[in-house]
Amino acid sequence: MNLTCIILAAGKSTRMKQQKMLLPFKGSTVIENVVTASIQSNVKHTIVVTGSQQELISQQLKSLDVEIIQNAKFEDGMLSSVQCGVMALRQCDAFLVLPGDQALVKSTSINHLIKMYDDSQKGLLIPTYYDRKGHPVIIDSKYKNQIMKLDHSIGLRQLFHENEDDLALVPIDSNEILIDLDLPEDYQKALKQLQDEN
């Protein structure tokens, strides 16, 4: 089974007041942790979509086996980065969409989602933790054209809403799928959780 992971790392991190992808995390940076989780999983190929501070983020990833593409329209919002990643896809059965600030996501959780994609025969998968939806999501490649036509004010939620009959919710026994780093306090909480886990 051939899956690609699209990691979204294009935003300006306005609410964090500094580039969150480059914040220290587990001996490296947030974005390196997310990319490493993808590389160590059963994903065949990893794409990182950059935008704001593209050169700094690319430099941080130069030793990792990833394809880096730049979204010139990153200020149009997250969907523009998803679409940019979709346009860069090579032949694959499906792809994951993973925000680059979800530094606690583990390769084991990615692998569980991939297995459930194979087992469920569904084209759209969303991980859940106590009924709360998180990331990464898995999207079958048959939806590539539909993604290019989505409303930017709604984003991927529109895709899931319009294809509910092809959607599976996948329980994950960890809150890692919910934790993104939008605010300084989110970052501090993630660091504390990391400390508690170790």
N, C-alpha and C. Protein backbone atom coordinates (compact mmCIF):
# COMPACT_ATOMS: atom_id res chain seq x y z
N MET A 1 0.85 -1.20 0.00
CA MET A 1 0.00 0.00 0.00
C MET A 1 0.88 1.25 0.00
N ASN A 2 0.55 2.17 -0.85
CA ASN A 2 1.40 3.34 -1.06
C ASN A 2 0.70 4.61 -0.56
N LEU A 3 1.16 5.12 0.57
CA LEU A 3 0.58 6.35 1.13
C LEU A 3 1.66 7.43 1.25
N THR A 4 1.23 8.66 1.03
CA THR A 4 2.09 9.83 1.18
C THR A 4 1.56 10.66 2.35
N CYS A 5 2.46 11.29 3.08
CA CYS A 5 2.05 12.20 4.15
C CYS A 5 2.34 13.64 3.72
N ILE A 6 1.32 14.47 3.74
CA ILE A 6 1.48 15.90 3.46
C ILE A 6 1.50 16.64 4.79
N ILE A 7 2.63 17.24 5.11
CA ILE A 7 2.79 17.98 6.37
C ILE A 7 2.68 19.47 6.08
N LEU A 8 1.79 20.14 6.80
CA LEU A 8 1.51 21.55 6.56
C LEU A 8 2.37 22.42 7.47
N ALA A 9 3.29 23.16 6.88
CA ALA A 9 4.23 23.97 7.68
C ALA A 9 4.40 25.36 7.06
N ALA A 10 3.29 25.93 6.59
CA ALA A 10 3.39 27.18 5.81
C ALA A 10 2.96 28.43 6.57
N GLY A 11 2.28 28.26 7.70
CA GLY A 11 1.67 29.41 8.37
C GLY A 11 2.65 30.37 9.00
N LYS A 12 2.15 31.54 9.35
CA LYS A 12 2.99 32.60 9.92
C LYS A 12 3.11 32.52 11.44
N SER A 13 2.35 31.62 12.08
CA SER A 13 2.39 31.46 13.54
C SER A 13 2.10 32.78 14.26
N THR A 14 1.11 33.50 13.78
CA THR A 14 0.79 34.82 14.32
C THR A 14 0.48 34.77 15.81
N ARG A 15 -0.33 33.78 16.21
CA ARG A 15 -0.74 33.72 17.62
C ARG A 15 0.39 33.29 18.54
N MET A 16 1.37 32.54 18.01
CA MET A 16 2.52 32.12 18.81
C MET A 16 3.52 33.26 18.95
N LYS A 17 3.44 34.23 18.03
CA LYS A 17 4.34 35.40 18.00
C LYS A 17 5.80 35.04 17.66
N GLN A 18 6.01 33.82 17.23
CA GLN A 18 7.29 33.39 16.66
C GLN A 18 7.00 32.13 15.85
N GLN A 19 7.92 31.74 14.96
CA GLN A 19 7.66 30.60 14.07
C GLN A 19 7.64 29.30 14.89
N LYS A 20 6.44 28.75 15.08
CA LYS A 20 6.29 27.59 15.97
C LYS A 20 6.96 26.34 15.42
N MET A 21 7.11 26.25 14.10
CA MET A 21 7.76 25.07 13.53
C MET A 21 9.21 24.93 14.00
N LEU A 22 9.82 26.06 14.38
CA LEU A 22 11.24 26.07 14.74
C LEU A 22 11.47 26.08 16.25
N LEU A 23 10.40 25.98 17.03
CA LEU A 23 10.54 25.94 18.49
C LEU A 23 11.24 24.65 18.92
N PRO A 24 12.07 24.72 19.97
CA PRO A 24 12.74 23.51 20.44
C PRO A 24 11.75 22.47 20.94
N PHE A 25 12.00 21.20 20.58
CA PHE A 25 11.13 20.12 21.03
C PHE A 25 11.87 18.80 20.94
N LYS A 26 11.97 18.07 22.04
CA LYS A 26 12.59 16.75 22.08
C LYS A 26 13.98 16.74 21.44
N GLY A 27 14.79 17.70 21.75
CA GLY A 27 16.17 17.71 21.26
C GLY A 27 16.34 18.23 19.86
N SER A 28 15.23 18.56 19.19
CA SER A 28 15.35 19.16 17.85
C SER A 28 14.33 20.30 17.76
N THR A 29 13.47 20.27 16.75
CA THR A 29 12.44 21.30 16.62
C THR A 29 11.08 20.63 16.43
N VAL A 30 10.03 21.43 16.54
CA VAL A 30 8.67 20.93 16.36
C VAL A 30 8.53 20.25 15.00
N ILE A 31 8.92 20.94 13.94
CA ILE A 31 8.73 20.40 12.59
C ILE A 31 9.56 19.14 12.36
N GLU A 32 10.76 19.08 12.91
CA GLU A 32 11.58 17.88 12.76
C GLU A 32 10.92 16.67 13.42
N ASN A 33 10.30 16.89 14.58
CA ASN A 33 9.61 15.80 15.27
C ASN A 33 8.45 15.27 14.43
N VAL A 34 7.70 16.18 13.84
CA VAL A 34 6.54 15.77 13.03
C VAL A 34 7.02 15.01 11.79
N VAL A 35 8.02 15.54 11.13
CA VAL A 35 8.56 14.88 9.93
C VAL A 35 9.14 13.51 10.28
N THR A 36 9.84 13.42 11.39
CA THR A 36 10.43 12.14 11.81
C THR A 36 9.35 11.10 12.08
N ALA A 37 8.24 11.51 12.70
CA ALA A 37 7.13 10.58 12.94
C ALA A 37 6.61 10.02 11.63
N SER A 38 6.52 10.86 10.62
CA SER A 38 6.07 10.42 9.29
C SER A 38 7.07 9.46 8.66
N ILE A 39 8.34 9.83 8.69
CA ILE A 39 9.38 9.02 8.05
C ILE A 39 9.49 7.64 8.71
N GLN A 40 9.30 7.60 10.04
CA GLN A 40 9.44 6.33 10.77
C GLN A 40 8.19 5.46 10.70
N SER A 41 7.13 5.99 10.09
CA SER A 41 5.89 5.23 9.94
C SER A 41 5.90 4.43 8.64
N ASN A 42 4.76 3.84 8.32
CA ASN A 42 4.65 3.06 7.07
C ASN A 42 4.30 3.91 5.85
N VAL A 43 4.38 5.22 6.01
CA VAL A 43 4.20 6.13 4.89
C VAL A 43 5.37 5.95 3.92
N LYS A 44 5.08 5.98 2.62
CA LYS A 44 6.15 5.77 1.63
C LYS A 44 6.88 7.06 1.26
N HIS A 45 6.21 8.19 1.38
CA HIS A 45 6.79 9.45 0.93
C HIS A 45 6.26 10.58 1.79
N THR A 46 7.11 11.54 2.13
CA THR A 46 6.70 12.66 2.97
C THR A 46 6.94 13.98 2.23
N ILE A 47 5.88 14.79 2.16
CA ILE A 47 5.95 16.11 1.55
C ILE A 47 5.74 17.15 2.64
N VAL A 48 6.59 18.16 2.68
CA VAL A 48 6.39 19.29 3.61
C VAL A 48 6.06 20.53 2.80
N VAL A 49 4.90 21.12 3.10
CA VAL A 49 4.49 22.35 2.40
C VAL A 49 4.90 23.54 3.26
N THR A 50 5.77 24.36 2.71
CA THR A 50 6.25 25.54 3.44
C THR A 50 5.65 26.81 2.84
N GLY A 51 5.87 27.90 3.54
CA GLY A 51 5.36 29.20 3.07
C GLY A 51 6.12 30.30 3.78
N SER A 52 5.62 30.70 4.94
CA SER A 52 6.30 31.70 5.75
C SER A 52 7.62 31.12 6.27
N GLN A 53 8.69 31.91 6.19
CA GLN A 53 10.03 31.50 6.64
C GLN A 53 10.46 30.16 6.03
N GLN A 54 10.18 30.05 4.76
CA GLN A 54 10.44 28.81 4.02
C GLN A 54 11.91 28.39 4.10
N GLU A 55 12.82 29.36 3.97
CA GLU A 55 14.25 29.02 3.94
C GLU A 55 14.72 28.44 5.27
N LEU A 56 14.27 29.04 6.38
CA LEU A 56 14.68 28.57 7.70
C LEU A 56 14.15 27.16 7.95
N ILE A 57 12.90 26.92 7.60
CA ILE A 57 12.30 25.59 7.82
C ILE A 57 12.97 24.55 6.92
N SER A 58 13.22 24.91 5.66
CA SER A 58 13.89 23.99 4.72
C SER A 58 15.28 23.63 5.22
N GLN A 59 15.99 24.62 5.74
CA GLN A 59 17.34 24.40 6.28
C GLN A 59 17.29 23.40 7.43
N GLN A 60 16.27 23.50 8.26
CA GLN A 60 16.13 22.62 9.42
C GLN A 60 15.88 21.17 9.01
N LEU A 61 15.33 20.98 7.81
CA LEU A 61 14.95 19.64 7.35
C LEU A 61 15.91 19.05 6.34
N LYS A 62 17.02 19.72 6.09
CA LYS A 62 17.88 19.33 4.96
C LYS A 62 18.47 17.92 5.11
N SER A 63 18.59 17.42 6.34
CA SER A 63 19.17 16.09 6.52
C SER A 63 18.12 14.98 6.52
N LEU A 64 16.85 15.36 6.38
CA LEU A 64 15.77 14.37 6.43
C LEU A 64 15.24 14.06 5.03
N ASP A 65 14.74 12.85 4.87
CA ASP A 65 14.29 12.37 3.56
C ASP A 65 12.86 12.86 3.27
N VAL A 66 12.76 14.13 2.91
CA VAL A 66 11.45 14.73 2.61
C VAL A 66 11.53 15.54 1.32
N GLU A 67 10.36 15.71 0.73
CA GLU A 67 10.23 16.60 -0.42
C GLU A 67 9.63 17.91 0.09
N ILE A 68 10.30 19.02 -0.14
CA ILE A 68 9.81 20.31 0.35
C ILE A 68 9.29 21.12 -0.83
N ILE A 69 8.05 21.57 -0.70
CA ILE A 69 7.47 22.42 -1.73
C ILE A 69 6.97 23.70 -1.09
N GLN A 70 7.01 24.77 -1.84
CA GLN A 70 6.60 26.06 -1.29
C GLN A 70 5.22 26.45 -1.81
N ASN A 71 4.38 26.88 -0.89
CA ASN A 71 3.05 27.37 -1.24
C ASN A 71 3.11 28.89 -1.34
N ALA A 72 3.11 29.39 -2.56
CA ALA A 72 3.19 30.84 -2.77
C ALA A 72 1.94 31.55 -2.27
N LYS A 73 0.84 30.80 -2.11
CA LYS A 73 -0.43 31.40 -1.68
C LYS A 73 -0.76 31.05 -0.23
N PHE A 74 0.28 30.83 0.60
CA PHE A 74 0.04 30.33 1.96
C PHE A 74 -0.83 31.27 2.79
N GLU A 75 -0.84 32.56 2.45
CA GLU A 75 -1.66 33.49 3.23
C GLU A 75 -3.15 33.31 2.95
N ASP A 76 -3.49 32.48 1.97
CA ASP A 76 -4.90 32.17 1.70
C ASP A 76 -5.48 31.18 2.70
N GLY A 77 -4.62 30.62 3.55
CA GLY A 77 -5.11 29.70 4.59
C GLY A 77 -4.68 28.26 4.38
N MET A 78 -5.07 27.41 5.34
CA MET A 78 -4.59 26.03 5.38
C MET A 78 -4.99 25.23 4.15
N LEU A 79 -6.20 25.45 3.64
CA LEU A 79 -6.63 24.67 2.48
C LEU A 79 -5.71 24.90 1.29
N SER A 80 -5.19 26.11 1.14
CA SER A 80 -4.27 26.38 0.02
C SER A 80 -3.02 25.50 0.12
N SER A 81 -2.57 25.22 1.35
CA SER A 81 -1.40 24.35 1.53
C SER A 81 -1.75 22.90 1.27
N VAL A 82 -2.95 22.48 1.66
CA VAL A 82 -3.40 21.13 1.34
C VAL A 82 -3.44 20.95 -0.18
N GLN A 83 -4.02 21.92 -0.87
CA GLN A 83 -4.12 21.85 -2.32
C GLN A 83 -2.74 21.84 -2.98
N CYS A 84 -1.82 22.61 -2.43
CA CYS A 84 -0.45 22.66 -2.93
C CYS A 84 0.20 21.27 -2.79
N GLY A 85 -0.02 20.64 -1.64
CA GLY A 85 0.52 19.30 -1.41
C GLY A 85 -0.12 18.28 -2.33
N VAL A 86 -1.41 18.38 -2.54
CA VAL A 86 -2.13 17.45 -3.42
C VAL A 86 -1.60 17.55 -4.85
N MET A 87 -1.33 18.77 -5.29
CA MET A 87 -0.80 18.95 -6.66
C MET A 87 0.58 18.32 -6.82
N ALA A 88 1.31 18.19 -5.71
CA ALA A 88 2.66 17.63 -5.78
C ALA A 88 2.68 16.11 -5.62
N LEU A 89 1.51 15.50 -5.37
CA LEU A 89 1.47 14.06 -5.14
C LEU A 89 1.92 13.28 -6.37
N ARG A 90 2.69 12.24 -6.11
CA ARG A 90 2.97 11.26 -7.15
C ARG A 90 1.91 10.17 -7.04
N GLN A 91 2.11 9.08 -7.75
CA GLN A 91 1.15 7.98 -7.69
C GLN A 91 1.07 7.45 -6.26
N CYS A 92 -0.12 7.45 -5.67
CA CYS A 92 -0.31 6.87 -4.34
C CYS A 92 -1.77 6.46 -4.17
N ASP A 93 -1.99 5.52 -3.24
CA ASP A 93 -3.36 5.05 -2.98
C ASP A 93 -4.15 6.09 -2.18
N ALA A 94 -3.47 6.73 -1.25
CA ALA A 94 -4.11 7.71 -0.38
C ALA A 94 -3.02 8.59 0.22
N PHE A 95 -3.46 9.63 0.94
CA PHE A 95 -2.49 10.52 1.58
C PHE A 95 -3.02 10.97 2.93
N LEU A 96 -2.08 11.26 3.81
CA LEU A 96 -2.40 11.81 5.11
C LEU A 96 -2.17 13.31 5.08
N VAL A 97 -2.97 14.04 5.83
CA VAL A 97 -2.75 15.48 6.02
C VAL A 97 -2.46 15.69 7.50
N LEU A 98 -1.27 16.20 7.78
CA LEU A 98 -0.81 16.35 9.16
C LEU A 98 -0.28 17.76 9.39
N PRO A 99 -0.91 18.54 10.28
CA PRO A 99 -0.38 19.87 10.59
C PRO A 99 1.03 19.77 11.18
N GLY A 100 1.91 20.65 10.75
CA GLY A 100 3.31 20.60 11.17
C GLY A 100 3.55 20.97 12.61
N ASP A 101 2.51 21.41 13.33
CA ASP A 101 2.70 21.78 14.73
C ASP A 101 2.19 20.69 15.69
N GLN A 102 1.85 19.51 15.16
CA GLN A 102 1.39 18.43 16.03
C GLN A 102 2.57 17.55 16.44
N ALA A 103 3.40 18.13 17.29
CA ALA A 103 4.71 17.53 17.60
C ALA A 103 4.63 16.27 18.44
N LEU A 104 3.46 15.96 19.01
CA LEU A 104 3.34 14.77 19.85
C LEU A 104 2.84 13.55 19.09
N VAL A 105 2.43 13.74 17.83
CA VAL A 105 1.92 12.61 17.05
C VAL A 105 3.03 11.58 16.83
N LYS A 106 2.69 10.32 17.06
CA LYS A 106 3.68 9.24 16.98
C LYS A 106 3.48 8.42 15.70
N SER A 107 4.56 7.80 15.26
CA SER A 107 4.49 6.95 14.07
C SER A 107 3.56 5.77 14.30
N THR A 108 3.44 5.29 15.56
CA THR A 108 2.53 4.17 15.85
C THR A 108 1.08 4.55 15.58
N SER A 109 0.72 5.80 15.89
CA SER A 109 -0.65 6.26 15.63
C SER A 109 -0.90 6.39 14.13
N ILE A 110 0.11 6.89 13.41
CA ILE A 110 0.01 6.97 11.94
C ILE A 110 -0.19 5.57 11.36
N ASN A 111 0.59 4.61 11.87
CA ASN A 111 0.49 3.23 11.37
C ASN A 111 -0.88 2.63 11.67
N HIS A 112 -1.44 2.94 12.84
CA HIS A 112 -2.77 2.43 13.18
C HIS A 112 -3.82 2.97 12.19
N LEU A 113 -3.71 4.24 11.87
CA LEU A 113 -4.63 4.84 10.90
C LEU A 113 -4.49 4.19 9.53
N ILE A 114 -3.25 3.95 9.12
CA ILE A 114 -3.01 3.31 7.82
C ILE A 114 -3.63 1.91 7.79
N LYS A 115 -3.47 1.16 8.89
CA LYS A 115 -4.07 -0.18 8.97
C LYS A 115 -5.60 -0.09 8.89
N MET A 116 -6.17 0.88 9.56
CA MET A 116 -7.63 1.04 9.55
C MET A 116 -8.12 1.48 8.17
N TYR A 117 -7.30 2.24 7.45
CA TYR A 117 -7.65 2.60 6.06
C TYR A 117 -7.74 1.34 5.22
N ASP A 118 -6.79 0.44 5.42
CA ASP A 118 -6.77 -0.81 4.67
C ASP A 118 -7.94 -1.71 5.06
N ASP A 119 -8.22 -1.77 6.37
CA ASP A 119 -9.26 -2.68 6.88
C ASP A 119 -10.68 -2.17 6.63
N SER A 120 -10.87 -0.86 6.72
CA SER A 120 -12.24 -0.31 6.72
C SER A 120 -12.85 -0.19 5.32
N GLN A 121 -11.99 -0.15 4.32
CA GLN A 121 -12.45 0.08 2.94
C GLN A 121 -13.17 1.42 2.78
N LYS A 122 -12.85 2.35 3.68
CA LYS A 122 -13.40 3.71 3.58
C LYS A 122 -12.35 4.63 2.97
N GLY A 123 -12.82 5.69 2.29
CA GLY A 123 -11.90 6.60 1.62
C GLY A 123 -11.48 7.80 2.44
N LEU A 124 -12.16 8.01 3.57
CA LEU A 124 -11.85 9.15 4.45
C LEU A 124 -11.79 8.65 5.89
N LEU A 125 -10.69 8.94 6.56
CA LEU A 125 -10.55 8.52 7.96
C LEU A 125 -10.13 9.70 8.83
N ILE A 126 -10.80 9.83 9.98
CA ILE A 126 -10.45 10.88 10.94
C ILE A 126 -10.19 10.21 12.29
N PRO A 127 -9.03 10.48 12.92
CA PRO A 127 -8.79 9.92 14.24
C PRO A 127 -9.59 10.67 15.30
N THR A 128 -10.01 9.95 16.34
CA THR A 128 -10.75 10.59 17.43
C THR A 128 -10.16 10.19 18.78
N TYR A 129 -10.31 11.07 19.74
CA TYR A 129 -9.94 10.79 21.13
C TYR A 129 -11.12 11.22 21.98
N TYR A 130 -11.80 10.26 22.58
CA TYR A 130 -13.04 10.54 23.33
C TYR A 130 -13.99 11.39 22.50
N ASP A 131 -14.21 10.96 21.27
CA ASP A 131 -15.16 11.57 20.34
C ASP A 131 -14.74 12.95 19.80
N ARG A 132 -13.57 13.41 20.17
CA ARG A 132 -13.06 14.67 19.60
C ARG A 132 -12.19 14.34 18.39
N LYS A 133 -12.43 15.01 17.28
CA LYS A 133 -11.72 14.72 16.04
C LYS A 133 -10.37 15.43 16.00
N GLY A 134 -9.38 14.73 15.44
CA GLY A 134 -8.04 15.30 15.37
C GLY A 134 -7.36 15.05 14.04
N HIS A 135 -6.03 15.04 14.06
CA HIS A 135 -5.19 14.82 12.87
C HIS A 135 -4.07 13.84 13.22
N PRO A 136 -3.53 13.16 12.24
CA PRO A 136 -3.72 13.32 10.79
C PRO A 136 -4.98 12.63 10.28
N VAL A 137 -5.50 13.15 9.19
CA VAL A 137 -6.60 12.50 8.49
C VAL A 137 -6.03 11.74 7.30
N ILE A 138 -6.75 10.72 6.86
CA ILE A 138 -6.37 9.99 5.64
C ILE A 138 -7.43 10.23 4.58
N ILE A 139 -6.98 10.52 3.37
CA ILE A 139 -7.87 10.81 2.25
C ILE A 139 -7.47 9.96 1.05
N ASP A 140 -8.41 9.21 0.54
CA ASP A 140 -8.14 8.40 -0.65
C ASP A 140 -7.85 9.31 -1.84
N SER A 141 -6.96 8.84 -2.71
CA SER A 141 -6.54 9.67 -3.85
C SER A 141 -7.68 10.01 -4.81
N LYS A 142 -8.78 9.26 -4.75
CA LYS A 142 -9.90 9.57 -5.64
C LYS A 142 -10.52 10.94 -5.34
N TYR A 143 -10.17 11.52 -4.19
CA TYR A 143 -10.74 12.82 -3.81
C TYR A 143 -9.85 14.02 -4.21
N LYS A 144 -8.78 13.75 -4.92
CA LYS A 144 -7.86 14.85 -5.26
C LYS A 144 -8.55 15.99 -6.01
N ASN A 145 -9.32 15.65 -7.01
CA ASN A 145 -9.99 16.71 -7.80
C ASN A 145 -11.01 17.48 -6.97
N GLN A 146 -11.72 16.77 -6.11
CA GLN A 146 -12.72 17.43 -5.27
C GLN A 146 -12.06 18.42 -4.31
N ILE A 147 -10.87 18.07 -3.81
CA ILE A 147 -10.15 18.96 -2.89
C ILE A 147 -9.80 20.28 -3.57
N MET A 148 -9.47 20.20 -4.84
CA MET A 148 -9.07 21.41 -5.57
C MET A 148 -10.24 22.39 -5.74
N LYS A 149 -11.47 21.90 -5.53
CA LYS A 149 -12.66 22.74 -5.74
C LYS A 149 -13.33 23.18 -4.43
N LEU A 150 -12.73 22.85 -3.30
CA LEU A 150 -13.36 23.16 -2.01
C LEU A 150 -13.38 24.66 -1.74
N ASP A 151 -14.32 25.06 -0.91
CA ASP A 151 -14.46 26.46 -0.48
C ASP A 151 -13.40 26.76 0.59
N HIS A 152 -12.59 27.78 0.35
CA HIS A 152 -11.49 28.11 1.28
C HIS A 152 -12.00 28.53 2.66
N SER A 153 -13.21 29.03 2.72
CA SER A 153 -13.74 29.47 4.02
C SER A 153 -14.19 28.28 4.87
N ILE A 154 -14.32 27.10 4.25
CA ILE A 154 -14.75 25.89 4.97
C ILE A 154 -13.59 24.91 5.13
N GLY A 155 -12.83 24.72 4.07
CA GLY A 155 -11.69 23.82 4.12
C GLY A 155 -12.08 22.35 3.98
N LEU A 156 -11.24 21.47 4.53
CA LEU A 156 -11.44 20.03 4.37
C LEU A 156 -12.72 19.53 5.02
N ARG A 157 -13.24 20.26 5.99
CA ARG A 157 -14.51 19.85 6.61
C ARG A 157 -15.60 19.66 5.56
N GLN A 158 -15.54 20.48 4.51
CA GLN A 158 -16.53 20.38 3.43
C GLN A 158 -16.43 19.00 2.75
N LEU A 159 -15.20 18.54 2.53
CA LEU A 159 -14.99 17.23 1.90
C LEU A 159 -15.60 16.11 2.75
N PHE A 160 -15.35 16.17 4.07
CA PHE A 160 -15.87 15.13 4.96
C PHE A 160 -17.40 15.21 5.05
N HIS A 161 -17.92 16.41 5.07
CA HIS A 161 -19.37 16.59 5.17
C HIS A 161 -20.08 16.06 3.91
N GLU A 162 -19.48 16.30 2.75
CA GLU A 162 -20.11 15.91 1.49
C GLU A 162 -19.98 14.42 1.18
N ASN A 163 -19.11 13.73 1.94
CA ASN A 163 -18.87 12.30 1.67
C ASN A 163 -18.96 11.48 2.95
N GLU A 164 -19.97 11.78 3.76
CA GLU A 164 -20.10 11.12 5.07
C GLU A 164 -20.25 9.60 4.96
N ASP A 165 -20.81 9.14 3.85
CA ASP A 165 -21.00 7.70 3.69
C ASP A 165 -19.69 6.96 3.45
N ASP A 166 -18.62 7.70 3.16
CA ASP A 166 -17.31 7.09 2.91
C ASP A 166 -16.33 7.44 4.02
N LEU A 167 -16.88 7.83 5.18
CA LEU A 167 -16.06 8.33 6.29
C LEU A 167 -16.03 7.34 7.44
N ALA A 168 -14.84 7.09 7.98
CA ALA A 168 -14.69 6.27 9.18
C ALA A 168 -13.99 7.09 10.26
N LEU A 169 -14.52 7.02 11.48
CA LEU A 169 -13.88 7.63 12.64
C LEU A 169 -13.05 6.56 13.33
N VAL A 170 -11.80 6.87 13.62
CA VAL A 170 -10.87 5.88 14.17
C VAL A 170 -10.42 6.29 15.57
N PRO A 171 -10.89 5.62 16.61
CA PRO A 171 -10.46 5.96 17.97
C PRO A 171 -8.96 5.71 18.16
N ILE A 172 -8.29 6.68 18.77
CA ILE A 172 -6.87 6.58 19.13
C ILE A 172 -6.80 6.75 20.64
N ASP A 173 -6.00 5.92 21.31
CA ASP A 173 -6.00 5.96 22.77
C ASP A 173 -5.00 6.97 23.34
N SER A 174 -4.84 8.09 22.64
CA SER A 174 -3.94 9.14 23.11
C SER A 174 -4.44 10.49 22.61
N ASN A 175 -4.25 11.52 23.43
CA ASN A 175 -4.70 12.86 23.02
C ASN A 175 -3.73 13.54 22.07
N GLU A 176 -2.67 12.84 21.65
CA GLU A 176 -1.66 13.44 20.77
C GLU A 176 -2.27 13.96 19.47
N ILE A 177 -3.37 13.34 19.04
CA ILE A 177 -3.99 13.73 17.77
C ILE A 177 -4.74 15.06 17.87
N LEU A 178 -4.93 15.54 19.10
CA LEU A 178 -5.67 16.80 19.32
C LEU A 178 -4.76 17.99 19.58
N ILE A 179 -3.51 17.72 19.94
CA ILE A 179 -2.65 18.80 20.46
C ILE A 179 -1.89 19.49 19.34
N ASP A 180 -2.30 20.71 19.05
CA ASP A 180 -1.52 21.55 18.15
C ASP A 180 -1.03 22.77 18.94
N LEU A 181 -0.08 23.46 18.36
CA LEU A 181 0.61 24.52 19.11
C LEU A 181 0.28 25.89 18.52
N ASP A 182 -0.89 26.41 18.86
CA ASP A 182 -1.28 27.72 18.34
C ASP A 182 -0.81 28.86 19.23
N LEU A 183 -0.85 28.63 20.54
CA LEU A 183 -0.56 29.68 21.52
C LEU A 183 0.64 29.28 22.38
N PRO A 184 1.33 30.27 22.97
CA PRO A 184 2.47 29.94 23.86
C PRO A 184 2.09 28.93 24.95
N GLU A 185 0.86 29.05 25.50
CA GLU A 185 0.46 28.11 26.55
C GLU A 185 0.26 26.69 26.02
N ASP A 186 -0.12 26.57 24.73
CA ASP A 186 -0.21 25.25 24.10
C ASP A 186 1.17 24.58 24.06
N TYR A 187 2.15 25.37 23.72
CA TYR A 187 3.54 24.89 23.65
C TYR A 187 4.01 24.41 25.03
N GLN A 188 3.73 25.22 26.05
CA GLN A 188 4.13 24.85 27.41
C GLN A 188 3.45 23.57 27.87
N LYS A 189 2.17 23.42 27.52
CA LYS A 189 1.43 22.20 27.88
C LYS A 189 2.02 20.97 27.19
N ALA A 190 2.38 21.14 25.92
CA ALA A 190 2.97 20.03 25.17
C ALA A 190 4.32 19.63 25.76
N LEU A 191 5.12 20.62 26.16
CA LEU A 191 6.41 20.33 26.80
C LEU A 191 6.20 19.58 28.11
N LYS A 192 5.18 19.99 28.86
CA LYS A 192 4.90 19.32 30.14
C LYS A 192 4.43 17.88 29.90
N GLN A 193 3.58 17.69 28.89
CA GLN A 193 3.11 16.33 28.59
C GLN A 193 4.27 15.44 28.17
N LEU A 194 5.19 16.00 27.39
CA LEU A 194 6.37 15.27 26.96
C LEU A 194 7.20 14.84 28.18
N GLN A 195 7.34 15.76 29.11
CA GLN A 195 8.09 15.49 30.35
C GLN A 195 7.41 14.39 31.17
N ASP A 196 6.08 14.48 31.25
CA ASP A 196 5.31 13.48 32.02
C ASP A 196 5.41 12.09 31.40
N GLU A 197 5.46 12.05 30.06
CA GLU A 197 5.55 10.76 29.36
C GLU A 197 6.91 10.09 29.58
N ASN A 198 7.92 10.94 29.78
CA ASN A 198 9.28 10.42 30.00
C ASN A 198 9.55 10.35 31.47
